[in-house]
């Protein structure tokens, strides 16, 4: 009987200790009603109405100046999009999908007979690290720890304004 009690206590202790390392956090604060990315400043702001809740330093695409036009151009899009979905199984820790390309983006690329690209996200770093300032193929990058907080705060459907 004593052996079973010790084993049960050990299993409970291990189970609870694993909970502390979860990448999924809880957020109970004000709703994030919009995200603003200021590319030149390399800053991302999470807002509730007109109040900034928090700000993050960010990395962008490897050729960040200007609006993303084509697949592989290394640019981060500019304009109004929305958070399309959450990806808990991202290769970059956690990620939030951005609704690029929109109809105008697709039409522009089609007129040039090129693909517009896609798979633009806010995400953490590969293998837990962020290597350099602007290293993505067009995404917005933060540290893994920051991404855990951001992931908990933002819901799909939230508008994201990506500004020059």
C-alpha atoms as a PDB file:
ATOM      1  CA  UNK A   1       0.000   0.000   0.000  1.00  0.00           C
ATOM      2  CA  UNK A   2       2.784   2.439   0.919  1.00  0.00           C
ATOM      3  CA  UNK A   3       4.515   1.679  -2.400  1.00  0.00           C
ATOM      4  CA  UNK A   4       1.351   2.638  -4.339  1.00  0.00           C
ATOM      5  CA  UNK A   5       1.062   5.913  -2.419  1.00  0.00           C
ATOM      6  CA  UNK A   6       4.682   6.803  -3.196  1.00  0.00           C
ATOM      7  CA  UNK A   7       4.231   5.926  -6.878  1.00  0.00           C
ATOM      8  CA  UNK A   8       1.025   7.978  -7.110  1.00  0.00           C
ATOM      9  CA  UNK A   9       2.748  10.967  -5.489  1.00  0.00           C
ATOM     10  CA  UNK A  10       5.670  10.628  -7.900  1.00  0.00           C
ATOM     11  CA  UNK A  11       3.392  10.473 -10.958  1.00  0.00           C
ATOM     12  CA  UNK A  12       1.444  13.542  -9.770  1.00  0.00           C
ATOM     13  CA  UNK A  13       4.655  15.486  -9.109  1.00  0.00           C
ATOM     14  CA  UNK A  14       6.046  14.682 -12.543  1.00  0.00           C
ATOM     15  CA  UNK A  15       2.757  15.565 -14.191  1.00  0.00           C
ATOM     16  CA  UNK A  16       2.560  18.926 -12.466  1.00  0.00           C
ATOM     17  CA  UNK A  17       6.185  19.764 -13.228  1.00  0.00           C
ATOM     18  CA  UNK A  18       5.560  19.128 -16.934  1.00  0.00           C
ATOM     19  CA  UNK A  19       2.720  21.658 -16.880  1.00  0.00           C
ATOM     20  CA  UNK A  20       5.135  24.462 -15.989  1.00  0.00           C
ATOM     21  CA  UNK A  21       7.082  24.054 -19.229  1.00  0.00           C
ATOM     22  CA  UNK A  22       4.101  24.299 -21.553  1.00  0.00           C
ATOM     23  CA  UNK A  23       4.422  26.704 -24.466  1.00  0.00           C
ATOM     24  CA  UNK A  24       0.687  27.381 -24.176  1.00  0.00           C
ATOM     25  CA  UNK A  25      -0.014  30.240 -21.800  1.00  0.00           C
ATOM     26  CA  UNK A  26      -3.238  31.772 -20.537  1.00  0.00           C
ATOM     27  CA  UNK A  27      -4.135  35.406 -21.072  1.00  0.00           C
ATOM     28  CA  UNK A  28      -6.866  37.098 -19.057  1.00  0.00           C
ATOM     29  CA  UNK A  29      -6.288  40.758 -19.973  1.00  0.00           C
ATOM     30  CA  UNK A  30      -8.045  43.125 -22.370  1.00  0.00           C
ATOM     31  CA  UNK A  31      -8.858  41.771 -25.824  1.00  0.00           C
ATOM     32  CA  UNK A  32      -6.310  42.526 -28.538  1.00  0.00           C
ATOM     33  CA  UNK A  33      -8.417  44.388 -31.112  1.00  0.00           C
ATOM     34  CA  UNK A  34      -5.610  45.049 -33.576  1.00  0.00           C
ATOM     35  CA  UNK A  35      -1.964  44.388 -34.284  1.00  0.00           C
ATOM     36  CA  UNK A  36       0.307  47.009 -35.825  1.00  0.00           C
ATOM     37  CA  UNK A  37       3.650  46.175 -37.391  1.00  0.00           C
ATOM     38  CA  UNK A  38       5.920  49.166 -38.043  1.00  0.00           C
ATOM     39  CA  UNK A  39       8.540  47.775 -40.400  1.00  0.00           C
ATOM     40  CA  UNK A  40      10.970  50.716 -40.344  1.00  0.00           C
ATOM     41  CA  UNK A  41      10.992  50.762 -36.529  1.00  0.00           C
ATOM     42  CA  UNK A  42      11.138  46.940 -36.356  1.00  0.00           C
ATOM     43  CA  UNK A  43       8.310  47.072 -33.780  1.00  0.00           C
ATOM     44  CA  UNK A  44       5.036  45.228 -33.341  1.00  0.00           C
ATOM     45  CA  UNK A  45       2.289  46.644 -31.128  1.00  0.00           C
ATOM     46  CA  UNK A  46      -0.702  44.792 -29.694  1.00  0.00           C
ATOM     47  CA  UNK A  47      -3.574  47.179 -29.062  1.00  0.00           C
ATOM     48  CA  UNK A  48      -6.946  47.247 -27.326  1.00  0.00           C
ATOM     49  CA  UNK A  49      -8.774  50.087 -29.042  1.00  0.00           C
ATOM     50  CA  UNK A  50      -6.217  52.898 -29.208  1.00  0.00           C
ATOM     51  CA  UNK A  51      -4.280  51.719 -26.127  1.00  0.00           C
ATOM     52  CA  UNK A  52      -1.001  49.855 -26.636  1.00  0.00           C
ATOM     53  CA  UNK A  53      -1.027  46.738 -24.457  1.00  0.00           C
ATOM     54  CA  UNK A  54       2.503  45.644 -25.299  1.00  0.00           C
ATOM     55  CA  UNK A  55       5.259  46.167 -27.868  1.00  0.00           C
ATOM     56  CA  UNK A  56       7.889  43.819 -29.310  1.00  0.00           C
ATOM     57  CA  UNK A  57      11.113  44.153 -31.262  1.00  0.00           C
ATOM     58  CA  UNK A  58      10.781  42.126 -34.471  1.00  0.00           C
ATOM     59  CA  UNK A  59      12.694  40.634 -37.358  1.00  0.00           C
ATOM     60  CA  UNK A  60      11.290  40.748 -40.895  1.00  0.00           C
ATOM     61  CA  UNK A  61      11.933  39.297 -44.320  1.00  0.00           C
ATOM     62  CA  UNK A  62      15.529  39.327 -45.560  1.00  0.00           C
ATOM     63  CA  UNK A  63      14.700  42.201 -47.998  1.00  0.00           C
ATOM     64  CA  UNK A  64      12.137  44.082 -45.909  1.00  0.00           C
ATOM     65  CA  UNK A  65      11.784  47.410 -47.727  1.00  0.00           C
ATOM     66  CA  UNK A  66       8.627  47.718 -49.806  1.00  0.00           C
ATOM     67  CA  UNK A  67       5.509  45.596 -50.123  1.00  0.00           C
ATOM     68  CA  UNK A  68       5.730  41.860 -50.780  1.00  0.00           C
ATOM     69  CA  UNK A  69       4.847  41.274 -54.430  1.00  0.00           C
ATOM     70  CA  UNK A  70       6.104  37.837 -55.408  1.00  0.00           C
ATOM     71  CA  UNK A  71       7.105  34.529 -53.919  1.00  0.00           C
ATOM     72  CA  UNK A  72      10.750  34.545 -52.844  1.00  0.00           C
ATOM     73  CA  UNK A  73      11.256  38.327 -52.848  1.00  0.00           C
ATOM     74  CA  UNK A  74      12.086  38.331 -49.120  1.00  0.00           C
ATOM     75  CA  UNK A  75       9.715  41.203 -48.398  1.00  0.00           C
ATOM     76  CA  UNK A  76       7.185  41.420 -45.581  1.00  0.00           C
ATOM     77  CA  UNK A  77       3.754  42.502 -46.899  1.00  0.00           C
ATOM     78  CA  UNK A  78       2.325  45.957 -46.210  1.00  0.00           C
ATOM     79  CA  UNK A  79      -1.333  46.772 -45.782  1.00  0.00           C
ATOM     80  CA  UNK A  80      -4.352  45.590 -43.827  1.00  0.00           C
ATOM     81  CA  UNK A  81      -4.741  41.867 -43.295  1.00  0.00           C
ATOM     82  CA  UNK A  82      -6.106  39.722 -40.476  1.00  0.00           C
ATOM     83  CA  UNK A  83      -4.889  36.840 -38.340  1.00  0.00           C
ATOM     84  CA  UNK A  84      -6.169  33.818 -40.250  1.00  0.00           C
ATOM     85  CA  UNK A  85      -5.343  30.961 -37.866  1.00  0.00           C
ATOM     86  CA  UNK A  86      -3.184  29.623 -35.054  1.00  0.00           C
ATOM     87  CA  UNK A  87      -0.556  26.964 -35.750  1.00  0.00           C
ATOM     88  CA  UNK A  88       0.440  25.105 -32.566  1.00  0.00           C
ATOM     89  CA  UNK A  89       2.708  22.737 -34.553  1.00  0.00           C
ATOM     90  CA  UNK A  90       4.829  25.350 -36.325  1.00  0.00           C
ATOM     91  CA  UNK A  91       8.445  24.674 -37.276  1.00  0.00           C
ATOM     92  CA  UNK A  92       9.027  28.059 -35.623  1.00  0.00           C
ATOM     93  CA  UNK A  93       7.734  27.205 -32.120  1.00  0.00           C
ATOM     94  CA  UNK A  94       4.217  28.697 -32.460  1.00  0.00           C
ATOM     95  CA  UNK A  95       2.789  30.830 -35.234  1.00  0.00           C
ATOM     96  CA  UNK A  96      -0.150  33.005 -36.217  1.00  0.00           C
ATOM     97  CA  UNK A  97      -1.147  33.042 -39.888  1.00  0.00           C
ATOM     98  CA  UNK A  98      -1.484  36.364 -41.710  1.00  0.00           C
ATOM     99  CA  UNK A  99      -4.086  36.503 -44.497  1.00  0.00           C
ATOM    100  CA  UNK A 100      -1.567  37.445 -47.229  1.00  0.00           C
ATOM    101  CA  UNK A 101      -2.135  37.324 -50.180  1.00  0.00           C
ATOM    102  CA  UNK A 102      -5.410  39.184 -50.562  1.00  0.00           C
ATOM    103  CA  UNK A 103      -7.261  39.643 -53.861  1.00  0.00           C
ATOM    104  CA  UNK A 104      -5.202  42.711 -54.851  1.00  0.00           C
ATOM    105  CA  UNK A 105      -1.927  40.904 -54.081  1.00  0.00           C
ATOM    106  CA  UNK A 106      -2.974  37.913 -56.205  1.00  0.00           C
ATOM    107  CA  UNK A 107      -4.102  40.137 -59.107  1.00  0.00           C
ATOM    108  CA  UNK A 108      -0.824  42.083 -59.101  1.00  0.00           C
ATOM    109  CA  UNK A 109       1.274  38.913 -59.140  1.00  0.00           C
ATOM    110  CA  UNK A 110      -0.939  37.314 -61.792  1.00  0.00           C
ATOM    111  CA  UNK A 111      -0.530  40.370 -64.048  1.00  0.00           C
ATOM    112  CA  UNK A 112       3.248  39.874 -63.801  1.00  0.00           C
ATOM    113  CA  UNK A 113       2.810  36.124 -64.413  1.00  0.00           C
ATOM    114  CA  UNK A 114       4.453  35.320 -61.059  1.00  0.00           C
ATOM    115  CA  UNK A 115       3.188  33.608 -57.888  1.00  0.00           C
ATOM    116  CA  UNK A 116       2.357  36.015 -55.025  1.00  0.00           C
ATOM    117  CA  UNK A 117       3.807  33.784 -52.329  1.00  0.00           C
ATOM    118  CA  UNK A 118       2.052  32.994 -49.093  1.00  0.00           C
ATOM    119  CA  UNK A 119       2.546  31.312 -45.746  1.00  0.00           C
ATOM    120  CA  UNK A 120       3.224  34.618 -44.006  1.00  0.00           C
ATOM    121  CA  UNK A 121       3.157  34.334 -40.212  1.00  0.00           C
ATOM    122  CA  UNK A 122       4.067  35.928 -36.921  1.00  0.00           C
ATOM    123  CA  UNK A 123       6.332  33.267 -35.377  1.00  0.00           C
ATOM    124  CA  UNK A 124       9.162  32.380 -33.048  1.00  0.00           C
ATOM    125  CA  UNK A 125      12.634  31.322 -34.048  1.00  0.00           C
ATOM    126  CA  UNK A 126      13.821  28.114 -35.637  1.00  0.00           C
ATOM    127  CA  UNK A 127      15.006  25.692 -32.975  1.00  0.00           C
ATOM    128  CA  UNK A 128      14.269  28.256 -30.264  1.00  0.00           C
ATOM    129  CA  UNK A 129      16.606  30.906 -31.645  1.00  0.00           C
ATOM    130  CA  UNK A 130      16.258  34.050 -33.717  1.00  0.00           C
ATOM    131  CA  UNK A 131      19.306  34.334 -35.940  1.00  0.00           C
ATOM    132  CA  UNK A 132      19.918  37.913 -36.984  1.00  0.00           C
ATOM    133  CA  UNK A 133      17.633  40.865 -37.440  1.00  0.00           C
ATOM    134  CA  UNK A 134      15.867  40.259 -40.776  1.00  0.00           C
ATOM    135  CA  UNK A 135      16.114  36.604 -41.680  1.00  0.00           C
ATOM    136  CA  UNK A 136      12.637  35.335 -42.585  1.00  0.00           C
ATOM    137  CA  UNK A 137      11.211  34.907 -46.090  1.00  0.00           C
ATOM    138  CA  UNK A 138       8.596  37.578 -45.341  1.00  0.00           C
ATOM    139  CA  UNK A 139       7.280  36.750 -41.893  1.00  0.00           C
ATOM    140  CA  UNK A 140       7.375  38.710 -38.630  1.00  0.00           C
ATOM    141  CA  UNK A 141       9.692  37.034 -36.106  1.00  0.00           C
ATOM    142  CA  UNK A 142       9.964  37.356 -32.330  1.00  0.00           C
ATOM    143  CA  UNK A 143      11.617  35.193 -29.673  1.00  0.00           C
ATOM    144  CA  UNK A 144       9.938  31.941 -28.654  1.00  0.00           C
ATOM    145  CA  UNK A 145       9.056  33.278 -25.196  1.00  0.00           C
ATOM    146  CA  UNK A 146       7.496  36.393 -26.725  1.00  0.00           C
ATOM    147  CA  UNK A 147       5.605  34.221 -29.211  1.00  0.00           C
ATOM    148  CA  UNK A 148       4.069  32.225 -26.368  1.00  0.00           C
ATOM    149  CA  UNK A 149       2.603  35.426 -24.907  1.00  0.00           C
ATOM    150  CA  UNK A 150       1.513  36.794 -28.301  1.00  0.00           C
ATOM    151  CA  UNK A 151      -0.090  33.452 -29.228  1.00  0.00           C
ATOM    152  CA  UNK A 152      -2.116  33.530 -26.010  1.00  0.00           C
ATOM    153  CA  UNK A 153      -3.294  37.110 -26.589  1.00  0.00           C
ATOM    154  CA  UNK A 154      -4.363  37.144 -30.249  1.00  0.00           C
ATOM    155  CA  UNK A 155      -7.408  35.425 -31.702  1.00  0.00           C
ATOM    156  CA  UNK A 156      -8.029  34.541 -35.363  1.00  0.00           C
ATOM    157  CA  UNK A 157      -9.900  37.360 -37.096  1.00  0.00           C
ATOM    158  CA  UNK A 158      -7.876  40.112 -35.384  1.00  0.00           C
ATOM    159  CA  UNK A 159      -6.869  42.813 -37.895  1.00  0.00           C
ATOM    160  CA  UNK A 160      -3.164  43.338 -38.508  1.00  0.00           C
ATOM    161  CA  UNK A 161      -1.877  46.547 -40.086  1.00  0.00           C
ATOM    162  CA  UNK A 162       1.609  46.192 -41.557  1.00  0.00           C
ATOM    163  CA  UNK A 163       3.040  49.648 -42.134  1.00  0.00           C
ATOM    164  CA  UNK A 164       6.237  50.710 -43.936  1.00  0.00           C
END
